[in-house]
PDB file of N, CA and C in Angstrom:
ATOM      1  N   LYS A   1     -17.989  19.768 -11.182  1.00  0.00           N
ATOM      2  CA  LYS A   1     -18.080  18.930 -12.727  1.00  0.00           C
ATOM      3  C   LYS A   1     -17.031  18.084 -12.836  1.00  0.00           C
ATOM      4  N   ILE A   2     -16.947  16.776 -13.021  1.00  0.00           N
ATOM      5  CA  ILE A   2     -16.248  16.450 -13.360  1.00  0.00           C
ATOM      6  C   ILE A   2     -15.870  15.654 -14.354  1.00  0.00           C
ATOM      7  N   ALA A   3     -14.697  15.806 -15.196  1.00  0.00           N
ATOM      8  CA  ALA A   3     -14.833  14.683 -16.730  1.00  0.00           C
ATOM      9  C   ALA A   3     -13.370  13.908 -16.263  1.00  0.00           C
ATOM     10  N   VAL A   4     -13.477  12.736 -16.546  1.00  0.00           N
ATOM     11  CA  VAL A   4     -12.257  11.388 -16.955  1.00  0.00           C
ATOM     12  C   VAL A   4     -12.167  11.148 -18.160  1.00  0.00           C
ATOM     13  N   GLU A   5     -10.517  11.297 -18.256  1.00  0.00           N
ATOM     14  CA  GLU A   5     -10.282  10.824 -19.168  1.00  0.00           C
ATOM     15  C   GLU A   5      -9.189   9.165 -19.197  1.00  0.00           C
ATOM     16  N   THR A   6      -9.244   8.372 -19.841  1.00  0.00           N
ATOM     17  CA  THR A   6      -8.312   7.151 -19.403  1.00  0.00           C
ATOM     18  C   THR A   6      -7.885   6.721 -20.304  1.00  0.00           C
ATOM     19  N   PHE A   7      -6.685   6.266 -20.049  1.00  0.00           N
ATOM     20  CA  PHE A   7      -5.582   5.967 -21.139  1.00  0.00           C
ATOM     21  C   PHE A   7      -4.639   4.967 -20.586  1.00  0.00           C
ATOM     22  N   PRO A   8      -4.368   3.883 -21.578  1.00  0.00           N
ATOM     23  CA  PRO A   8      -3.206   3.082 -20.891  1.00  0.00           C
ATOM     24  C   PRO A   8      -2.245   3.579 -20.384  1.00  0.00           C
ATOM     25  N   ALA A   9      -1.825   3.295 -19.207  1.00  0.00           N
ATOM     26  CA  ALA A   9      -0.425   3.509 -18.224  1.00  0.00           C
ATOM     27  C   ALA A   9       0.912   3.448 -18.871  1.00  0.00           C
ATOM     28  N   ASP A  10       1.700   4.352 -19.244  1.00  0.00           N
ATOM     29  CA  ASP A  10       3.092   4.157 -19.782  1.00  0.00           C
ATOM     30  C   ASP A  10       3.882   3.309 -18.822  1.00  0.00           C
ATOM     31  N   GLU A  11       4.807   2.920 -19.113  1.00  0.00           N
ATOM     32  CA  GLU A  11       5.678   2.488 -18.238  1.00  0.00           C
ATOM     33  C   GLU A  11       5.510   1.664 -17.174  1.00  0.00           C
ATOM     34  N   LEU A  12       4.228   0.830 -17.300  1.00  0.00           N
ATOM     35  CA  LEU A  12       3.668  -0.275 -16.298  1.00  0.00           C
ATOM     36  C   LEU A  12       2.879  -1.572 -17.286  1.00  0.00           C
ATOM     37  N   PRO A  13       2.627  -2.321 -16.534  1.00  0.00           N
ATOM     38  CA  PRO A  13       2.281  -3.313 -17.385  1.00  0.00           C
ATOM     39  C   PRO A  13       1.068  -3.289 -18.152  1.00  0.00           C
ATOM     40  N   PRO A  14       0.803  -4.657 -19.042  1.00  0.00           N
ATOM     41  CA  PRO A  14      -0.462  -3.971 -20.123  1.00  0.00           C
ATOM     42  C   PRO A  14      -1.944  -4.376 -19.252  1.00  0.00           C
ATOM     43  N   GLY A  15      -2.790  -3.538 -19.245  1.00  0.00           N
ATOM     44  CA  GLY A  15      -3.928  -3.494 -18.657  1.00  0.00           C
ATOM     45  C   GLY A  15      -3.979  -2.450 -17.397  1.00  0.00           C
ATOM     46  N   TRP A  16      -3.310  -1.494 -17.034  1.00  0.00           N
ATOM     47  CA  TRP A  16      -2.975  -0.809 -16.003  1.00  0.00           C
ATOM     48  C   TRP A  16      -3.690   0.455 -16.332  1.00  0.00           C
ATOM     49  N   ILE A  17      -4.069   1.034 -16.106  1.00  0.00           N
ATOM     50  CA  ILE A  17      -4.939   2.740 -16.626  1.00  0.00           C
ATOM     51  C   ILE A  17      -4.608   3.356 -16.061  1.00  0.00           C
ATOM     52  N   LYS A  18      -4.666   4.783 -16.425  1.00  0.00           N
ATOM     53  CA  LYS A  18      -3.920   5.849 -16.372  1.00  0.00           C
ATOM     54  C   LYS A  18      -5.187   6.851 -16.567  1.00  0.00           C
ATOM     55  N   GLU A  19      -5.613   7.451 -15.401  1.00  0.00           N
ATOM     56  CA  GLU A  19      -6.495   8.564 -15.336  1.00  0.00           C
ATOM     57  C   GLU A  19      -6.406   9.904 -14.968  1.00  0.00           C
ATOM     58  N   ILE A  20      -7.004  10.804 -15.742  1.00  0.00           N
ATOM     59  CA  ILE A  20      -6.978  12.171 -15.624  1.00  0.00           C
ATOM     60  C   ILE A  20      -8.511  12.770 -14.985  1.00  0.00           C
ATOM     61  N   LYS A  21      -8.534  12.971 -14.124  1.00  0.00           N
ATOM     62  CA  LYS A  21      -9.896  13.333 -13.355  1.00  0.00           C
ATOM     63  C   LYS A  21      -9.963  14.911 -13.365  1.00  0.00           C
ATOM     64  N   THR A  22     -10.344  15.701 -14.093  1.00  0.00           N
ATOM     65  CA  THR A  22     -10.532  17.136 -14.183  1.00  0.00           C
ATOM     66  C   THR A  22     -11.757  17.878 -13.366  1.00  0.00           C
ATOM     67  N   LYS A  23     -11.632  18.220 -12.200  1.00  0.00           N
ATOM     68  CA  LYS A  23     -12.610  19.004 -11.679  1.00  0.00           C
ATOM     69  C   LYS A  23     -12.909  20.560 -11.770  1.00  0.00           C
ATOM     70  N   LYS A  24     -13.752  21.177 -12.163  1.00  0.00           N
ATOM     71  CA  LYS A  24     -14.066  22.527 -12.355  1.00  0.00           C
ATOM     72  C   LYS A  24     -15.092  23.222 -11.317  1.00  0.00           C
ATOM     73  N   ARG A  25     -14.756  24.099 -10.168  1.00  0.00           N
ATOM     74  CA  ARG A  25     -15.284  24.961  -9.074  1.00  0.00           C
ATOM     75  C   ARG A  25     -15.160  26.214  -9.742  1.00  0.00           C
ATOM     76  N   GLY A  26     -16.268  26.731  -9.933  1.00  0.00           N
ATOM     77  CA  GLY A  26     -16.323  28.385 -10.155  1.00  0.00           C
ATOM     78  C   GLY A  26     -15.211  28.772 -10.900  1.00  0.00           C
ATOM     79  N   ASN A  27     -14.254  29.379 -10.893  1.00  0.00           N
ATOM     80  CA  ASN A  27     -13.150  29.315 -11.905  1.00  0.00           C
ATOM     81  C   ASN A  27     -11.968  28.884 -11.915  1.00  0.00           C
ATOM     82  N   MET A  28     -11.691  27.780 -11.066  1.00  0.00           N
ATOM     83  CA  MET A  28     -10.442  27.117 -10.403  1.00  0.00           C
ATOM     84  C   MET A  28     -10.966  25.708 -11.186  1.00  0.00           C
ATOM     85  N   THR A  29      -9.524  25.421 -12.196  1.00  0.00           N
ATOM     86  CA  THR A  29      -9.565  23.967 -12.533  1.00  0.00           C
ATOM     87  C   THR A  29      -8.932  23.019 -11.819  1.00  0.00           C
ATOM     88  N   ARG A  30      -9.063  21.947 -11.741  1.00  0.00           N
ATOM     89  CA  ARG A  30      -7.706  21.025 -11.154  1.00  0.00           C
ATOM     90  C   ARG A  30      -8.133  19.449 -11.730  1.00  0.00           C
ATOM     91  N   LYS A  31      -6.902  19.182 -11.835  1.00  0.00           N
ATOM     92  CA  LYS A  31      -6.519  17.927 -12.506  1.00  0.00           C
ATOM     93  C   LYS A  31      -5.647  17.107 -11.531  1.00  0.00           C
ATOM     94  N   ASP A  32      -6.307  15.753 -11.265  1.00  0.00           N
ATOM     95  CA  ASP A  32      -5.672  14.999 -10.467  1.00  0.00           C
ATOM     96  C   ASP A  32      -5.559  13.847 -11.754  1.00  0.00           C
ATOM     97  N   LEU A  33      -4.358  12.873 -11.059  1.00  0.00           N
ATOM     98  CA  LEU A  33      -3.974  11.796 -11.913  1.00  0.00           C
ATOM     99  C   LEU A  33      -3.458  10.353 -10.908  1.00  0.00           C
ATOM    100  N   PHE A  34      -4.414   9.390 -11.723  1.00  0.00           N
ATOM    101  CA  PHE A  34      -4.566   8.236 -11.173  1.00  0.00           C
ATOM    102  C   PHE A  34      -4.108   6.900 -12.127  1.00  0.00           C
ATOM    103  N   PHE A  35      -3.630   5.477 -11.110  1.00  0.00           N
ATOM    104  CA  PHE A  35      -3.267   4.862 -11.798  1.00  0.00           C
ATOM    105  C   PHE A  35      -3.487   3.580 -11.285  1.00  0.00           C
ATOM    106  N   THR A  36      -4.225   2.638 -11.959  1.00  0.00           N
ATOM    107  CA  THR A  36      -5.165   1.523 -11.642  1.00  0.00           C
ATOM    108  C   THR A  36      -5.107   0.380 -11.865  1.00  0.00           C
ATOM    109  N   ASP A  37      -4.453  -0.699 -11.030  1.00  0.00           N
ATOM    110  CA  ASP A  37      -4.333  -1.858 -11.373  1.00  0.00           C
ATOM    111  C   ASP A  37      -5.251  -2.613 -11.706  1.00  0.00           C
ATOM    112  N   PRO A  38      -5.671  -3.265 -12.883  1.00  0.00           N
ATOM    113  CA  PRO A  38      -6.975  -3.922 -13.398  1.00  0.00           C
ATOM    114  C   PRO A  38      -7.140  -5.594 -12.210  1.00  0.00           C
ATOM    115  N   LYS A  39      -5.692  -5.862 -11.850  1.00  0.00           N
ATOM    116  CA  LYS A  39      -5.786  -6.670 -10.941  1.00  0.00           C
ATOM    117  C   LYS A  39      -6.676  -7.016  -9.480  1.00  0.00           C
ATOM    118  N   SER A  40      -5.730  -5.772  -9.062  1.00  0.00           N
ATOM    119  CA  SER A  40      -6.163  -5.990  -7.253  1.00  0.00           C
ATOM    120  C   SER A  40      -7.200  -5.253  -7.437  1.00  0.00           C
ATOM    121  N   GLY A  41      -7.333  -4.003  -8.180  1.00  0.00           N
ATOM    122  CA  GLY A  41      -8.273  -2.936  -8.389  1.00  0.00           C
ATOM    123  C   GLY A  41      -7.945  -1.719  -7.653  1.00  0.00           C
ATOM    124  N   TYR A  42      -6.458  -1.563  -6.847  1.00  0.00           N
ATOM    125  CA  TYR A  42      -6.198  -0.828  -6.457  1.00  0.00           C
ATOM    126  C   TYR A  42      -5.632   0.625  -6.988  1.00  0.00           C
ATOM    127  N   THR A  43      -6.151   1.732  -6.574  1.00  0.00           N
ATOM    128  CA  THR A  43      -6.033   2.850  -7.621  1.00  0.00           C
ATOM    129  C   THR A  43      -4.538   3.851  -7.168  1.00  0.00           C
ATOM    130  N   PHE A  44      -3.704   4.361  -7.269  1.00  0.00           N
ATOM    131  CA  PHE A  44      -2.585   4.504  -6.634  1.00  0.00           C
ATOM    132  C   PHE A  44      -2.467   6.045  -7.126  1.00  0.00           C
ATOM    133  N   TYR A  45      -2.048   6.797  -6.539  1.00  0.00           N
ATOM    134  CA  TYR A  45      -2.128   8.759  -6.667  1.00  0.00           C
ATOM    135  C   TYR A  45      -0.815   8.907  -7.409  1.00  0.00           C
ATOM    136  N   SER A  46       0.268   8.035  -7.814  1.00  0.00           N
ATOM    137  CA  SER A  46       1.528   8.016  -8.186  1.00  0.00           C
ATOM    138  C   SER A  46       2.133   7.349  -9.181  1.00  0.00           C
ATOM    139  N   LYS A  47       2.998   7.658 -10.176  1.00  0.00           N
ATOM    140  CA  LYS A  47       3.229   5.980 -10.896  1.00  0.00           C
ATOM    141  C   LYS A  47       4.269   5.603  -9.960  1.00  0.00           C
ATOM    142  N   LEU A  48       5.036   6.530  -9.084  1.00  0.00           N
ATOM    143  CA  LEU A  48       6.189   5.981  -8.222  1.00  0.00           C
ATOM    144  C   LEU A  48       5.273   5.136  -7.383  1.00  0.00           C
ATOM    145  N   ASP A  49       4.608   5.151  -6.571  1.00  0.00           N
ATOM    146  CA  ASP A  49       3.964   3.760  -5.613  1.00  0.00           C
ATOM    147  C   ASP A  49       3.275   2.652  -6.882  1.00  0.00           C
ATOM    148  N   ALA A  50       2.705   3.189  -7.859  1.00  0.00           N
ATOM    149  CA  ALA A  50       2.254   2.100  -8.503  1.00  0.00           C
ATOM    150  C   ALA A  50       3.848   0.935  -9.056  1.00  0.00           C
ATOM    151  N   LEU A  51       4.499   1.623  -9.210  1.00  0.00           N
ATOM    152  CA  LEU A  51       5.826   0.924  -9.310  1.00  0.00           C
ATOM    153  C   LEU A  51       6.403   0.149  -8.237  1.00  0.00           C
ATOM    154  N   ARG A  52       6.211   0.857  -6.864  1.00  0.00           N
ATOM    155  CA  ARG A  52       6.588   0.489  -5.383  1.00  0.00           C
ATOM    156  C   ARG A  52       5.991  -1.119  -5.605  1.00  0.00           C
ATOM    157  N   TYR A  53       4.861  -0.578  -5.688  1.00  0.00           N
ATOM    158  CA  TYR A  53       3.510  -2.284  -5.150  1.00  0.00           C
ATOM    159  C   TYR A  53       4.207  -2.832  -6.673  1.00  0.00           C
ATOM    160  N   LEU A  54       4.395  -2.628  -7.293  1.00  0.00           N
ATOM    161  CA  LEU A  54       4.467  -3.989  -8.810  1.00  0.00           C
ATOM    162  C   LEU A  54       6.042  -4.363  -8.163  1.00  0.00           C
ATOM    163  N   LYS A  55       7.022  -4.162  -7.525  1.00  0.00           N
ATOM    164  CA  LYS A  55       8.426  -4.092  -7.315  1.00  0.00           C
ATOM    165  C   LYS A  55       8.302  -5.451  -5.912  1.00  0.00           C
ATOM    166  N   THR A  56       7.406  -4.561  -5.582  1.00  0.00           N
ATOM    167  CA  THR A  56       7.039  -5.094  -3.722  1.00  0.00           C
ATOM    168  C   THR A  56       6.158  -5.908  -3.154  1.00  0.00           C
ATOM    169  N   ASP A  57       4.742  -5.914  -4.074  1.00  0.00           N
ATOM    170  CA  ASP A  57       3.221  -6.344  -4.218  1.00  0.00           C
ATOM    171  C   ASP A  57       2.668  -6.088  -2.440  1.00  0.00           C
ATOM    172  N   ASP A  58       3.647  -4.837  -2.249  1.00  0.00           N
ATOM    173  CA  ASP A  58       2.881  -4.604  -0.568  1.00  0.00           C
ATOM    174  C   ASP A  58       2.672  -3.168  -0.462  1.00  0.00           C
ATOM    175  N   ILE A  59       1.482  -2.498  -0.473  1.00  0.00           N
ATOM    176  CA  ILE A  59       0.869  -1.590  -0.204  1.00  0.00           C
ATOM    177  C   ILE A  59       1.055  -0.981   0.808  1.00  0.00           C
ATOM    178  N   SER A  60       1.476  -1.387   1.550  1.00  0.00           N
ATOM    179  CA  SER A  60       2.068  -0.608   3.199  1.00  0.00           C
ATOM    180  C   SER A  60       3.462   0.365   2.441  1.00  0.00           C
ATOM    181  N   LYS A  61       3.590  -0.309   1.413  1.00  0.00           N
ATOM    182  CA  LYS A  61       5.485   0.447   0.899  1.00  0.00           C
ATOM    183  C   LYS A  61       5.234   1.498   0.374  1.00  0.00           C
ATOM    184  N   CYS A  62       3.609   2.152   0.045  1.00  0.00           N
ATOM    185  CA  CYS A  62       3.387   3.486  -0.877  1.00  0.00           C
ATOM    186  C   CYS A  62       3.256   4.354   0.154  1.00  0.00           C
ATOM    187  N   ALA A  63       3.331   5.581  -0.590  1.00  0.00           N
ATOM    188  CA  ALA A  63       3.584   6.611   0.336  1.00  0.00           C
ATOM    189  C   ALA A  63       2.321   7.318   0.485  1.00  0.00           C
ATOM    190  N   ILE A  64       0.993   6.680  -0.052  1.00  0.00           N
ATOM    191  CA  ILE A  64      -0.176   7.373   0.305  1.00  0.00           C
ATOM    192  C   ILE A  64      -0.687   5.821   0.043  1.00  0.00           C
ATOM    193  N   ARG A  65      -1.739   5.381   1.073  1.00  0.00           N
ATOM    194  CA  ARG A  65      -2.093   4.190   0.778  1.00  0.00           C
ATOM    195  C   ARG A  65      -3.416   4.217  -0.419  1.00  0.00           C
ATOM    196  N   PRO A  66      -3.571   3.376  -1.345  1.00  0.00           N
ATOM    197  CA  PRO A  66      -4.213   3.097  -2.246  1.00  0.00           C
ATOM    198  C   PRO A  66      -5.589   3.050  -2.104  1.00  0.00           C
ATOM    199  N   ILE A  67      -6.599   3.483  -3.364  1.00  0.00           N
ATOM    200  CA  ILE A  67      -7.868   3.704  -2.788  1.00  0.00           C
ATOM    201  C   ILE A  67      -8.378   1.946  -3.401  1.00  0.00           C
ATOM    202  N   LYS A  68      -9.202   1.155  -2.946  1.00  0.00           N
ATOM    203  CA  LYS A  68      -9.517  -0.281  -3.530  1.00  0.00           C
ATOM    204  C   LYS A  68     -10.910   0.068  -4.533  1.00  0.00           C
ATOM    205  N   GLN A  69     -10.810  -0.286  -5.564  1.00  0.00           N
ATOM    206  CA  GLN A  69     -11.960   0.139  -6.293  1.00  0.00           C
ATOM    207  C   GLN A  69     -12.606  -1.439  -6.526  1.00  0.00           C
ATOM    208  N   GLY A  70     -14.182  -1.087  -6.821  1.00  0.00           N
ATOM    209  CA  GLY A  70     -15.144  -2.289  -7.050  1.00  0.00           C
ATOM    210  C   GLY A  70     -14.488  -2.164  -8.314  1.00  0.00           C
ATOM    211  N   SER A  71     -15.124  -3.730  -9.148  1.00  0.00           N
ATOM    212  CA  SER A  71     -14.576  -4.124 -10.614  1.00  0.00           C
ATOM    213  C   SER A  71     -15.646  -3.083 -11.419  1.00  0.00           C
ATOM    214  N   ASP A  72     -16.971  -2.496 -11.097  1.00  0.00           N
ATOM    215  CA  ASP A  72     -17.368  -2.091 -11.790  1.00  0.00           C
ATOM    216  C   ASP A  72     -17.252  -0.370 -11.983  1.00  0.00           C
ATOM    217  N   SER A  73     -15.988  -0.024 -11.081  1.00  0.00           N
ATOM    218  CA  SER A  73     -15.649   1.320 -11.233  1.00  0.00           C
ATOM    219  C   SER A  73     -14.725   1.728 -12.301  1.00  0.00           C
ATOM    220  N   ILE A  74     -14.105   0.374 -12.811  1.00  0.00           N
ATOM    221  CA  ILE A  74     -12.580   0.741 -13.926  1.00  0.00           C
ATOM    222  C   ILE A  74     -13.382   0.737 -15.062  1.00  0.00           C
ATOM    223  N   LYS A  75     -13.284   1.912 -15.885  1.00  0.00           N
ATOM    224  CA  LYS A  75     -13.725   1.948 -17.176  1.00  0.00           C
ATOM    225  C   LYS A  75     -12.550   2.454 -18.200  1.00  0.00           C
ATOM    226  N   VAL A  76     -12.653   1.608 -19.305  1.00  0.00           N
ATOM    227  CA  VAL A  76     -11.581   2.342 -20.351  1.00  0.00           C
ATOM    228  C   VAL A  76     -12.259   2.749 -21.485  1.00  0.00           C
ATOM    229  N   SER A  77     -11.453   4.019 -22.084  1.00  0.00           N
ATOM    230  CA  SER A  77     -12.211   4.288 -23.596  1.00  0.00           C
ATOM    231  C   SER A  77     -11.153   4.654 -24.199  1.00  0.00           C
TER     232      SER A  77
END
């Protein structure tokens, strides 16, 4: 089971989305945090990587390569 909560991302430009994905398997619960750029469609695993991308506009500087999302996968609530 997966639940997704979306919020505007603090300390990032307007339009950036912060997602918290909660997964439950058996008696274990896991929460993952993601930051999505609405212009490029990249999803970053940390705010630090998102800020690094904004500063350099280069995804190779990120600690973990971001995920490229399709335009239909971004949902704001």
